[in-house]
Amino acid sequence: MVDQYVIHELQGCTVWAKDGERLGLVGNVHLDRATGEPAWVTVALGLFEGRQYFVPLAGARRDDDDLYVNYSRKAIEDSPDMDHEGALTPDEEAALEDYYKGW
């Protein structure tokens, strides 16, 4: 299982789309149920955006305070809307995984 220091380092990172577009800052970090490793982050796609979008960490890379994800802004904007405050349910996680497989 990942330690709290690693989670803290991810929170507040600037998220960049695969085409280099700045998306926003990491809000929450969600862990994989089986491994305890970070699997998802949330990001608001604008200064006044109230919704937090889930973005998979699969294929992402971190460079200091920047997190480069493997998805476009469009893919993230069209993703299923999930409650970002609590843990993802298995059904929510499956829905997100299915959605991102198409991108």
Protein backbone atom coordinates (compact mmCIF):
# COMPACT_ATOMS: atom_id res chain seq x y z
CA MET A 1 0.00 0.00 0.00
CA VAL A 2 1.19 3.50 -0.83
CA ASP A 3 2.05 5.81 2.04
CA GLN A 4 0.32 9.09 2.79
CA TYR A 5 3.38 11.06 1.64
CA VAL A 6 2.95 9.84 -1.94
CA ILE A 7 -0.75 10.76 -1.89
CA HIS A 8 0.12 14.19 -0.53
CA GLU A 9 2.66 14.68 -3.35
CA LEU A 10 -0.01 13.94 -5.98
CA GLN A 11 -2.57 16.30 -4.48
CA GLY A 12 -2.17 19.75 -5.93
CA CYS A 13 -0.13 18.61 -8.95
CA THR A 14 -0.94 20.34 -12.22
CA VAL A 15 -2.66 17.90 -14.58
CA TRP A 16 -1.78 18.03 -18.30
CA ALA A 17 -3.70 16.32 -21.12
CA LYS A 18 -1.92 14.05 -23.58
CA ASP A 19 -1.81 16.89 -26.12
CA GLY A 20 -0.10 19.22 -23.63
CA GLU A 21 -3.17 21.22 -22.59
CA ARG A 22 -3.25 22.30 -18.95
CA LEU A 23 -6.35 20.84 -17.31
CA GLY A 24 -6.23 21.92 -13.66
CA LEU A 25 -5.02 20.72 -10.28
CA VAL A 26 -5.37 17.29 -8.71
CA GLY A 27 -8.16 17.40 -6.15
CA ASN A 28 -8.49 13.93 -4.65
CA VAL A 29 -6.52 10.73 -5.03
CA HIS A 30 -8.47 7.46 -5.07
CA LEU A 31 -6.82 4.12 -4.37
CA ASP A 32 -7.31 0.78 -6.05
CA ARG A 33 -9.25 -1.52 -3.72
CA ALA A 34 -7.08 -4.57 -4.38
CA THR A 35 -3.59 -3.03 -4.32
CA GLY A 36 -4.00 0.12 -2.24
CA GLU A 37 -2.05 2.02 -4.91
CA PRO A 38 -3.28 5.32 -6.41
CA ALA A 39 -5.52 4.50 -9.39
CA TRP A 40 -7.55 7.68 -10.01
CA VAL A 41 -7.25 11.41 -9.45
CA THR A 42 -9.92 14.05 -9.72
CA VAL A 43 -9.47 17.36 -11.48
CA ALA A 44 -11.68 20.41 -12.01
CA LEU A 45 -11.37 21.51 -15.65
CA GLY A 46 -11.50 25.21 -15.00
CA LEU A 47 -11.25 27.84 -12.33
CA PHE A 48 -15.00 28.02 -11.77
CA GLU A 49 -15.76 24.36 -12.53
CA GLY A 50 -17.70 22.75 -9.69
CA ARG A 51 -17.46 19.22 -10.99
CA GLN A 52 -14.43 17.06 -10.27
CA TYR A 53 -13.65 14.66 -13.12
CA PHE A 54 -12.10 11.25 -12.52
CA VAL A 55 -8.94 10.54 -14.51
CA PRO A 56 -7.13 7.18 -14.47
CA LEU A 57 -3.50 7.15 -13.45
CA ALA A 58 -2.79 4.22 -15.78
CA GLY A 59 -0.28 5.47 -18.32
CA ALA A 60 0.28 8.75 -16.47
CA ARG A 61 3.68 10.10 -15.55
CA ARG A 62 4.70 12.55 -12.90
CA ASP A 63 7.43 15.15 -13.29
CA ASP A 64 7.90 17.16 -10.10
CA ASP A 65 4.59 19.03 -9.62
CA ASP A 66 3.21 18.09 -13.04
CA LEU A 67 1.09 15.04 -13.82
CA TYR A 68 0.79 14.07 -17.48
CA VAL A 69 -2.24 11.87 -18.14
CA ASN A 70 -2.88 9.72 -21.19
CA TYR A 71 -6.24 11.31 -22.10
CA SER A 72 -7.52 14.38 -23.90
CA ARG A 73 -9.61 17.13 -22.33
CA LYS A 74 -12.58 15.96 -24.45
CA ALA A 75 -12.30 12.40 -23.12
CA ILE A 76 -12.23 13.66 -19.54
CA GLU A 77 -15.08 16.16 -20.07
CA ASP A 78 -17.33 13.42 -21.44
CA SER A 79 -16.55 10.93 -18.65
CA PRO A 80 -19.31 9.66 -16.32
CA ASP A 81 -20.16 12.00 -13.44
CA MET A 82 -19.31 10.36 -10.10
CA ASP A 83 -19.28 11.65 -6.53
CA HIS A 84 -15.65 12.58 -5.88
CA GLU A 85 -15.92 12.88 -2.10
CA GLY A 86 -16.29 9.25 -1.08
CA ALA A 87 -14.69 6.05 -2.27
CA LEU A 88 -15.72 4.79 -5.67
CA THR A 89 -18.10 1.85 -5.52
CA PRO A 90 -17.17 -1.22 -7.55
CA ASP A 91 -19.95 -0.35 -10.04
CA GLU A 92 -18.72 3.25 -10.41
CA GLU A 93 -15.16 2.10 -10.90
CA ALA A 94 -16.27 -0.42 -13.53
CA ALA A 95 -18.26 2.28 -15.36
CA LEU A 96 -15.24 4.59 -15.42
CA GLU A 97 -12.92 1.80 -16.56
CA ASP A 98 -15.31 0.83 -19.35
CA TYR A 99 -15.63 4.44 -20.46
CA TYR A 100 -11.87 5.11 -20.58
CA LYS A 101 -11.19 1.85 -22.48
CA GLY A 102 -12.75 3.56 -25.50
CA TRP A 103 -10.14 6.31 -25.45
